[in-house]
Amino acid sequence: MAGIPASSVKLSIPADSLRKLPEGAVYRGKSGQANLTVGSDDSGNIVAEASCDSLQQLVLWYEEELARIRSETKSEISNDVQTVEKRPPNRMRTFITGVLAGLLAGVLLTIKLYKR
């Protein structure tokens, strides 16, 4: 993302002018992406609100990047995980292997006994 130029706004307001503001009236200042609003609330308190469009742009950009990275990470993980299908053992094969092993063991034992 390209750098966003810094912006600042400054308002110089005499204190008595703030006190004499009619209800709902505010002083506003804007410079580049920086905004400042100064007024008073129903209780007579001075209220200043500031915002900066560049910060809002950065927050949106970071949120989009985070969503993109999460999406890529999820797709990479799902591609890496492979399902392994485990089949039950073939019973006939196991039976034949057992019979052959038994015959071989029998033949070897018989040969060994006859040599004595």
C-alpha atoms as a PDB file:
ATOM      1  CA  MET A   1       0.000   0.000   0.000  1.00  0.00           C
ATOM      2  CA  ALA A   2       1.320   3.431  -0.876  1.00  0.00           C
ATOM      3  CA  GLY A   3       2.113   5.749   2.014  1.00  0.00           C
ATOM      4  CA  ILE A   4      -0.605   8.161   3.026  1.00  0.00           C
ATOM      5  CA  PRO A   5       0.577  11.725   3.602  1.00  0.00           C
ATOM      6  CA  ALA A   6       0.284  13.022   7.148  1.00  0.00           C
ATOM      7  CA  SER A   7      -2.437  15.575   7.818  1.00  0.00           C
ATOM      8  CA  SER A   8      -3.170  17.690  10.856  1.00  0.00           C
ATOM      9  CA  VAL A   9      -5.709  20.366  11.658  1.00  0.00           C
ATOM     10  CA  LYS A  10      -5.530  23.075  14.314  1.00  0.00           C
ATOM     11  CA  LEU A  11      -8.378  25.244  15.583  1.00  0.00           C
ATOM     12  CA  SER A  12      -7.800  28.296  17.750  1.00  0.00           C
ATOM     13  CA  ILE A  13     -11.058  29.213  19.460  1.00  0.00           C
ATOM     14  CA  PRO A  14     -11.386  31.765  22.275  1.00  0.00           C
ATOM     15  CA  ALA A  15     -12.837  30.080  25.393  1.00  0.00           C
ATOM     16  CA  ASP A  16     -15.680  32.622  25.746  1.00  0.00           C
ATOM     17  CA  SER A  17     -16.749  31.916  22.138  1.00  0.00           C
ATOM     18  CA  LEU A  18     -17.183  28.233  22.990  1.00  0.00           C
ATOM     19  CA  ARG A  19     -19.312  29.101  25.996  1.00  0.00           C
ATOM     20  CA  LYS A  20     -21.551  31.382  23.903  1.00  0.00           C
ATOM     21  CA  LEU A  21     -22.178  28.810  21.142  1.00  0.00           C
ATOM     22  CA  PRO A  22     -25.873  28.217  20.504  1.00  0.00           C
ATOM     23  CA  GLU A  23     -27.122  24.679  21.111  1.00  0.00           C
ATOM     24  CA  GLY A  24     -26.142  22.375  18.219  1.00  0.00           C
ATOM     25  CA  ALA A  25     -23.566  24.785  16.780  1.00  0.00           C
ATOM     26  CA  VAL A  26     -19.971  23.579  16.325  1.00  0.00           C
ATOM     27  CA  TYR A  27     -16.608  24.770  15.061  1.00  0.00           C
ATOM     28  CA  ARG A  28     -15.191  22.569  12.316  1.00  0.00           C
ATOM     29  CA  GLY A  29     -11.712  22.268  10.892  1.00  0.00           C
ATOM     30  CA  LYS A  30     -10.423  20.081   8.065  1.00  0.00           C
ATOM     31  CA  SER A  31      -7.010  19.704   6.504  1.00  0.00           C
ATOM     32  CA  GLY A  32      -6.308  16.818   4.132  1.00  0.00           C
ATOM     33  CA  GLN A  33      -7.643  13.703   5.812  1.00  0.00           C
ATOM     34  CA  ALA A  34      -7.777  15.248   9.306  1.00  0.00           C
ATOM     35  CA  ASN A  35     -11.104  16.501  10.674  1.00  0.00           C
ATOM     36  CA  LEU A  36     -11.870  18.275  13.951  1.00  0.00           C
ATOM     37  CA  THR A  37     -15.232  19.277  15.386  1.00  0.00           C
ATOM     38  CA  VAL A  38     -15.519  21.300  18.627  1.00  0.00           C
ATOM     39  CA  GLY A  39     -18.785  22.160  20.348  1.00  0.00           C
ATOM     40  CA  SER A  40     -20.602  21.740  23.635  1.00  0.00           C
ATOM     41  CA  ASP A  41     -23.084  19.206  24.964  1.00  0.00           C
ATOM     42  CA  ASP A  42     -26.344  19.737  26.865  1.00  0.00           C
ATOM     43  CA  SER A  43     -24.466  19.990  30.184  1.00  0.00           C
ATOM     44  CA  GLY A  44     -22.196  22.806  28.966  1.00  0.00           C
ATOM     45  CA  ASN A  45     -19.133  20.561  28.603  1.00  0.00           C
ATOM     46  CA  ILE A  46     -16.739  21.207  25.732  1.00  0.00           C
ATOM     47  CA  VAL A  47     -16.695  18.267  23.316  1.00  0.00           C
ATOM     48  CA  ALA A  48     -13.961  17.805  20.711  1.00  0.00           C
ATOM     49  CA  GLU A  49     -14.172  15.018  18.097  1.00  0.00           C
ATOM     50  CA  ALA A  50     -11.314  14.234  15.743  1.00  0.00           C
ATOM     51  CA  SER A  51     -11.043  11.751  12.904  1.00  0.00           C
ATOM     52  CA  CYS A  52      -8.561  10.981  10.213  1.00  0.00           C
ATOM     53  CA  ASP A  53      -9.576   9.437   6.892  1.00  0.00           C
ATOM     54  CA  SER A  54      -6.089   7.989   6.375  1.00  0.00           C
ATOM     55  CA  LEU A  55      -6.383   5.971   9.589  1.00  0.00           C
ATOM     56  CA  GLN A  56      -9.748   4.681   8.450  1.00  0.00           C
ATOM     57  CA  GLN A  57      -8.184   3.731   5.112  1.00  0.00           C
ATOM     58  CA  LEU A  58      -5.363   1.904   6.893  1.00  0.00           C
ATOM     59  CA  VAL A  59      -7.804   0.022   9.114  1.00  0.00           C
ATOM     60  CA  LEU A  60      -9.838  -1.054   6.079  1.00  0.00           C
ATOM     61  CA  TRP A  61      -6.682  -2.089   4.208  1.00  0.00           C
ATOM     62  CA  TYR A  62      -5.412  -4.143   7.169  1.00  0.00           C
ATOM     63  CA  GLU A  63      -8.822  -5.796   7.598  1.00  0.00           C
ATOM     64  CA  GLU A  64      -8.827  -6.762   3.904  1.00  0.00           C
ATOM     65  CA  GLU A  65      -5.255  -8.086   4.149  1.00  0.00           C
ATOM     66  CA  LEU A  66      -6.130 -10.109   7.241  1.00  0.00           C
ATOM     67  CA  ALA A  67      -9.169 -11.611   5.520  1.00  0.00           C
ATOM     68  CA  ARG A  68      -7.070 -12.449   2.435  1.00  0.00           C
ATOM     69  CA  ILE A  69      -4.298 -14.077   4.494  1.00  0.00           C
ATOM     70  CA  ARG A  70      -6.806 -16.102   6.528  1.00  0.00           C
ATOM     71  CA  SER A  71      -8.471 -17.265   3.319  1.00  0.00           C
ATOM     72  CA  GLU A  72      -5.138 -18.281   1.787  1.00  0.00           C
ATOM     73  CA  THR A  73      -4.100 -20.074   4.970  1.00  0.00           C
ATOM     74  CA  LYS A  74      -7.376 -22.029   5.104  1.00  0.00           C
ATOM     75  CA  SER A  75      -7.048 -23.080   1.459  1.00  0.00           C
ATOM     76  CA  GLU A  76      -3.395 -24.127   1.950  1.00  0.00           C
ATOM     77  CA  ILE A  77      -4.288 -26.184   5.010  1.00  0.00           C
ATOM     78  CA  SER A  78      -7.177 -27.870   3.234  1.00  0.00           C
ATOM     79  CA  ASN A  79      -4.890 -28.659   0.270  1.00  0.00           C
ATOM     80  CA  ASP A  80      -2.228 -30.129   2.575  1.00  0.00           C
ATOM     81  CA  VAL A  81      -4.628 -32.407   4.413  1.00  0.00           C
ATOM     82  CA  GLN A  82      -5.125 -35.601   2.476  1.00  0.00           C
ATOM     83  CA  THR A  83      -7.664 -38.156   3.435  1.00  0.00           C
ATOM     84  CA  VAL A  84      -6.195 -41.616   3.839  1.00  0.00           C
ATOM     85  CA  GLU A  85      -8.651 -44.351   3.134  1.00  0.00           C
ATOM     86  CA  LYS A  86      -7.958 -47.246   5.429  1.00  0.00           C
ATOM     87  CA  ARG A  87      -9.298 -50.499   4.033  1.00  0.00           C
ATOM     88  CA  PRO A  88     -10.040 -53.502   6.198  1.00  0.00           C
ATOM     89  CA  PRO A  89      -7.561 -56.367   5.798  1.00  0.00           C
ATOM     90  CA  ASN A  90      -8.306 -58.904   3.088  1.00  0.00           C
ATOM     91  CA  ARG A  91      -9.401 -62.032   5.012  1.00  0.00           C
ATOM     92  CA  MET A  92      -8.626 -64.486   2.230  1.00  0.00           C
ATOM     93  CA  ARG A  93      -5.121 -63.119   1.829  1.00  0.00           C
ATOM     94  CA  THR A  94      -4.535 -63.333   5.581  1.00  0.00           C
ATOM     95  CA  PHE A  95      -5.784 -66.952   5.620  1.00  0.00           C
ATOM     96  CA  ILE A  96      -3.575 -68.043   2.706  1.00  0.00           C
ATOM     97  CA  THR A  97      -0.540 -66.291   4.246  1.00  0.00           C
ATOM     98  CA  GLY A  98      -1.150 -68.116   7.536  1.00  0.00           C
ATOM     99  CA  VAL A  99      -1.526 -71.508   5.816  1.00  0.00           C
ATOM    100  CA  LEU A 100       1.669 -70.981   3.807  1.00  0.00           C
ATOM    101  CA  ALA A 101       3.591 -69.872   6.889  1.00  0.00           C
ATOM    102  CA  GLY A 102       2.368 -72.955   8.755  1.00  0.00           C
ATOM    103  CA  LEU A 103       3.338 -75.286   5.887  1.00  0.00           C
ATOM    104  CA  LEU A 104       6.786 -73.693   5.643  1.00  0.00           C
ATOM    105  CA  ALA A 105       7.307 -73.994   9.396  1.00  0.00           C
ATOM    106  CA  GLY A 106       6.177 -77.636   9.251  1.00  0.00           C
ATOM    107  CA  VAL A 107       8.539 -78.454   6.379  1.00  0.00           C
ATOM    108  CA  LEU A 108      11.494 -76.783   8.123  1.00  0.00           C
ATOM    109  CA  LEU A 109      10.803 -78.578  11.415  1.00  0.00           C
ATOM    110  CA  THR A 110      10.431 -81.903   9.610  1.00  0.00           C
ATOM    111  CA  ILE A 111      13.740 -81.435   7.785  1.00  0.00           C
ATOM    112  CA  LYS A 112      15.463 -80.506  11.058  1.00  0.00           C
ATOM    113  CA  LEU A 113      14.097 -83.593  12.851  1.00  0.00           C
ATOM    114  CA  TYR A 114      15.183 -85.990  10.072  1.00  0.00           C
ATOM    115  CA  LYS A 115      18.744 -84.623  10.154  1.00  0.00           C
ATOM    116  CA  ARG A 116      19.158 -85.718  13.782  1.00  0.00           C
END
